[in-house]
Amino acid sequence: MMDLINVTLIRAKNAFDSFMKEEKGAVDLVVIVVLIAIALVLAALFRKQIGALLDSLFETMNQKAQEAVQ
């Protein structure tokens, strides 16, 4: 079992290394990092609104679940 895990980890590392060496991969990596940064900034800016939205959604789901059970 450990051999299978080791082989899988080695393959993943090799795939990641080849991905990092390709120029296309580097450009894609930069795009991904920029998109993640934008998402984090937006999440930080709208933290309270997102929290209120999630609270409202979960409250509605709980109410509907209670109604469905009764």
N, C-alpha and C. Protein backbone atom coordinates (compact mmCIF):
# COMPACT_ATOMS: atom_id res chain seq x y z
N MET A 1 0.83 -1.19 0.00
CA MET A 1 0.00 0.00 0.00
C MET A 1 0.87 1.25 0.00
N MET A 2 1.93 1.23 0.82
CA MET A 2 2.83 2.39 0.88
C MET A 2 3.53 2.60 -0.47
N ASP A 3 3.83 1.49 -1.17
CA ASP A 3 4.46 1.62 -2.48
C ASP A 3 3.54 2.36 -3.45
N LEU A 4 2.27 2.04 -3.40
CA LEU A 4 1.30 2.71 -4.27
C LEU A 4 1.23 4.20 -3.94
N ILE A 5 1.23 4.52 -2.66
CA ILE A 5 1.19 5.93 -2.25
C ILE A 5 2.46 6.64 -2.71
N ASN A 6 3.61 5.99 -2.53
CA ASN A 6 4.88 6.60 -2.95
C ASN A 6 4.91 6.83 -4.46
N VAL A 7 4.46 5.85 -5.22
CA VAL A 7 4.45 5.99 -6.68
C VAL A 7 3.52 7.13 -7.09
N THR A 8 2.37 7.21 -6.44
CA THR A 8 1.43 8.29 -6.75
C THR A 8 2.01 9.65 -6.42
N LEU A 9 2.67 9.75 -5.28
CA LEU A 9 3.29 11.02 -4.89
C LEU A 9 4.41 11.41 -5.86
N ILE A 10 5.20 10.45 -6.27
CA ILE A 10 6.29 10.74 -7.22
C ILE A 10 5.72 11.20 -8.55
N ARG A 11 4.67 10.54 -9.02
CA ARG A 11 4.04 10.95 -10.28
C ARG A 11 3.46 12.36 -10.17
N ALA A 12 2.82 12.65 -9.04
CA ALA A 12 2.25 13.98 -8.85
C ALA A 12 3.35 15.03 -8.82
N LYS A 13 4.46 14.73 -8.13
CA LYS A 13 5.57 15.68 -8.07
C LYS A 13 6.16 15.90 -9.46
N ASN A 14 6.34 14.84 -10.22
CA ASN A 14 6.88 14.98 -11.57
C ASN A 14 5.94 15.79 -12.46
N ALA A 15 4.65 15.54 -12.35
CA ALA A 15 3.68 16.30 -13.14
C ALA A 15 3.71 17.77 -12.75
N PHE A 16 3.80 18.05 -11.46
CA PHE A 16 3.86 19.44 -10.99
C PHE A 16 5.14 20.11 -11.48
N ASP A 17 6.26 19.40 -11.41
CA ASP A 17 7.53 19.96 -11.88
C ASP A 17 7.48 20.28 -13.37
N SER A 18 6.94 19.36 -14.16
CA SER A 18 6.86 19.63 -15.60
C SER A 18 5.89 20.77 -15.89
N PHE A 19 4.83 20.86 -15.11
CA PHE A 19 3.88 21.96 -15.26
C PHE A 19 4.55 23.29 -14.97
N MET A 20 5.38 23.34 -13.95
CA MET A 20 6.06 24.58 -13.58
C MET A 20 7.11 24.98 -14.61
N LYS A 21 7.68 24.01 -15.32
CA LYS A 21 8.73 24.31 -16.29
C LYS A 21 8.18 24.78 -17.63
N GLU A 22 6.96 24.41 -17.95
CA GLU A 22 6.38 24.83 -19.22
C GLU A 22 6.02 26.31 -19.15
N GLU A 23 6.26 27.01 -20.25
CA GLU A 23 5.95 28.44 -20.27
C GLU A 23 4.45 28.66 -20.16
N LYS A 24 3.68 27.84 -20.86
CA LYS A 24 2.23 27.97 -20.80
C LYS A 24 1.75 27.76 -19.37
N GLY A 25 2.33 26.80 -18.70
CA GLY A 25 1.98 26.54 -17.31
C GLY A 25 2.28 27.73 -16.43
N ALA A 26 3.39 28.42 -16.71
CA ALA A 26 3.76 29.57 -15.90
C ALA A 26 2.76 30.70 -16.09
N VAL A 27 2.33 30.91 -17.31
CA VAL A 27 1.34 31.96 -17.58
C VAL A 27 0.02 31.60 -16.91
N ASP A 28 -0.39 30.36 -17.03
CA ASP A 28 -1.62 29.92 -16.39
C ASP A 28 -1.53 30.05 -14.87
N LEU A 29 -0.36 29.76 -14.34
CA LEU A 29 -0.15 29.87 -12.89
C LEU A 29 -0.31 31.31 -12.43
N VAL A 30 0.23 32.24 -13.19
CA VAL A 30 0.11 33.66 -12.85
C VAL A 30 -1.36 34.07 -12.89
N VAL A 31 -2.08 33.63 -13.89
CA VAL A 31 -3.50 33.96 -14.00
C VAL A 31 -4.27 33.41 -12.80
N ILE A 32 -3.97 32.19 -12.43
CA ILE A 32 -4.66 31.57 -11.29
C ILE A 32 -4.36 32.34 -10.00
N VAL A 33 -3.10 32.72 -9.80
CA VAL A 33 -2.73 33.47 -8.59
C VAL A 33 -3.44 34.82 -8.56
N VAL A 34 -3.50 35.50 -9.69
CA VAL A 34 -4.18 36.80 -9.75
C VAL A 34 -5.68 36.64 -9.46
N LEU A 35 -6.31 35.62 -10.03
CA LEU A 35 -7.73 35.39 -9.78
C LEU A 35 -8.00 35.06 -8.31
N ILE A 36 -7.13 34.27 -7.71
CA ILE A 36 -7.29 33.95 -6.29
C ILE A 36 -7.14 35.21 -5.45
N ALA A 37 -6.17 36.06 -5.80
CA ALA A 37 -5.97 37.31 -5.06
C ALA A 37 -7.20 38.21 -5.17
N ILE A 38 -7.77 38.30 -6.36
CA ILE A 38 -8.97 39.12 -6.55
C ILE A 38 -10.13 38.56 -5.72
N ALA A 39 -10.28 37.23 -5.73
CA ALA A 39 -11.36 36.61 -4.95
C ALA A 39 -11.18 36.88 -3.46
N LEU A 40 -9.95 36.82 -2.97
CA LEU A 40 -9.69 37.09 -1.55
C LEU A 40 -9.99 38.54 -1.19
N VAL A 41 -9.61 39.46 -2.07
CA VAL A 41 -9.88 40.88 -1.81
C VAL A 41 -11.38 41.13 -1.78
N LEU A 42 -12.10 40.57 -2.74
CA LEU A 42 -13.56 40.74 -2.77
C LEU A 42 -14.22 40.12 -1.54
N ALA A 43 -13.73 38.96 -1.15
CA ALA A 43 -14.28 38.31 0.05
C ALA A 43 -14.03 39.16 1.29
N ALA A 44 -12.86 39.78 1.37
CA ALA A 44 -12.55 40.64 2.51
C ALA A 44 -13.42 41.89 2.50
N LEU A 45 -13.63 42.47 1.33
CA LEU A 45 -14.43 43.68 1.23
C LEU A 45 -15.90 43.44 1.56
N PHE A 46 -16.42 42.30 1.13
CA PHE A 46 -17.84 42.01 1.31
C PHE A 46 -18.09 40.93 2.36
N ARG A 47 -17.19 40.84 3.34
CA ARG A 47 -17.27 39.79 4.35
C ARG A 47 -18.60 39.81 5.10
N LYS A 48 -19.02 40.98 5.54
CA LYS A 48 -20.26 41.07 6.31
C LYS A 48 -21.47 40.72 5.46
N GLN A 49 -21.50 41.21 4.23
CA GLN A 49 -22.62 40.92 3.34
C GLN A 49 -22.69 39.43 3.01
N ILE A 50 -21.52 38.83 2.77
CA ILE A 50 -21.49 37.40 2.46
C ILE A 50 -21.96 36.59 3.67
N GLY A 51 -21.51 37.00 4.86
CA GLY A 51 -21.95 36.32 6.08
C GLY A 51 -23.45 36.43 6.28
N ALA A 52 -24.00 37.62 6.06
CA ALA A 52 -25.44 37.81 6.20
C ALA A 52 -26.21 36.97 5.18
N LEU A 53 -25.70 36.92 3.96
CA LEU A 53 -26.35 36.11 2.93
C LEU A 53 -26.35 34.63 3.31
N LEU A 54 -25.20 34.13 3.77
CA LEU A 54 -25.12 32.72 4.16
C LEU A 54 -26.03 32.43 5.35
N ASP A 55 -26.06 33.33 6.32
CA ASP A 55 -26.96 33.14 7.47
C ASP A 55 -28.41 33.07 7.01
N SER A 56 -28.79 33.96 6.11
CA SER A 56 -30.15 33.97 5.59
C SER A 56 -30.46 32.68 4.83
N LEU A 57 -29.52 32.23 4.01
CA LEU A 57 -29.73 31.00 3.25
C LEU A 57 -29.91 29.80 4.17
N PHE A 58 -29.03 29.68 5.18
CA PHE A 58 -29.13 28.54 6.08
C PHE A 58 -30.39 28.60 6.95
N GLU A 59 -30.79 29.80 7.33
CA GLU A 59 -32.03 29.94 8.10
C GLU A 59 -33.23 29.51 7.26
N THR A 60 -33.26 29.93 6.00
CA THR A 60 -34.34 29.53 5.10
C THR A 60 -34.35 28.02 4.89
N MET A 61 -33.16 27.44 4.69
CA MET A 61 -33.08 25.99 4.49
C MET A 61 -33.58 25.25 5.72
N ASN A 62 -33.20 25.72 6.91
CA ASN A 62 -33.66 25.07 8.13
C ASN A 62 -35.18 25.17 8.27
N GLN A 63 -35.74 26.33 7.96
CA GLN A 63 -37.20 26.49 8.04
C GLN A 63 -37.91 25.57 7.07
N LYS A 64 -37.40 25.50 5.84
CA LYS A 64 -38.03 24.64 4.83
C LYS A 64 -37.89 23.17 5.21
N ALA A 65 -36.75 22.81 5.79
CA ALA A 65 -36.56 21.42 6.23
C ALA A 65 -37.52 21.08 7.36
N GLN A 66 -37.71 22.02 8.29
CA GLN A 66 -38.66 21.80 9.38
C GLN A 66 -40.08 21.63 8.83
N GLU A 67 -40.44 22.46 7.87
CA GLU A 67 -41.77 22.37 7.26
C GLU A 67 -41.95 21.05 6.52
N ALA A 68 -40.90 20.59 5.86
CA ALA A 68 -40.99 19.35 5.09
C ALA A 68 -41.14 18.14 6.01
N VAL A 69 -40.51 18.20 7.17
CA VAL A 69 -40.58 17.07 8.10
C VAL A 69 -41.95 17.00 8.76
N GLN A 70 -42.58 18.14 9.00
CA GLN A 70 -43.88 18.15 9.69
C GLN A 70 -44.96 17.80 8.75
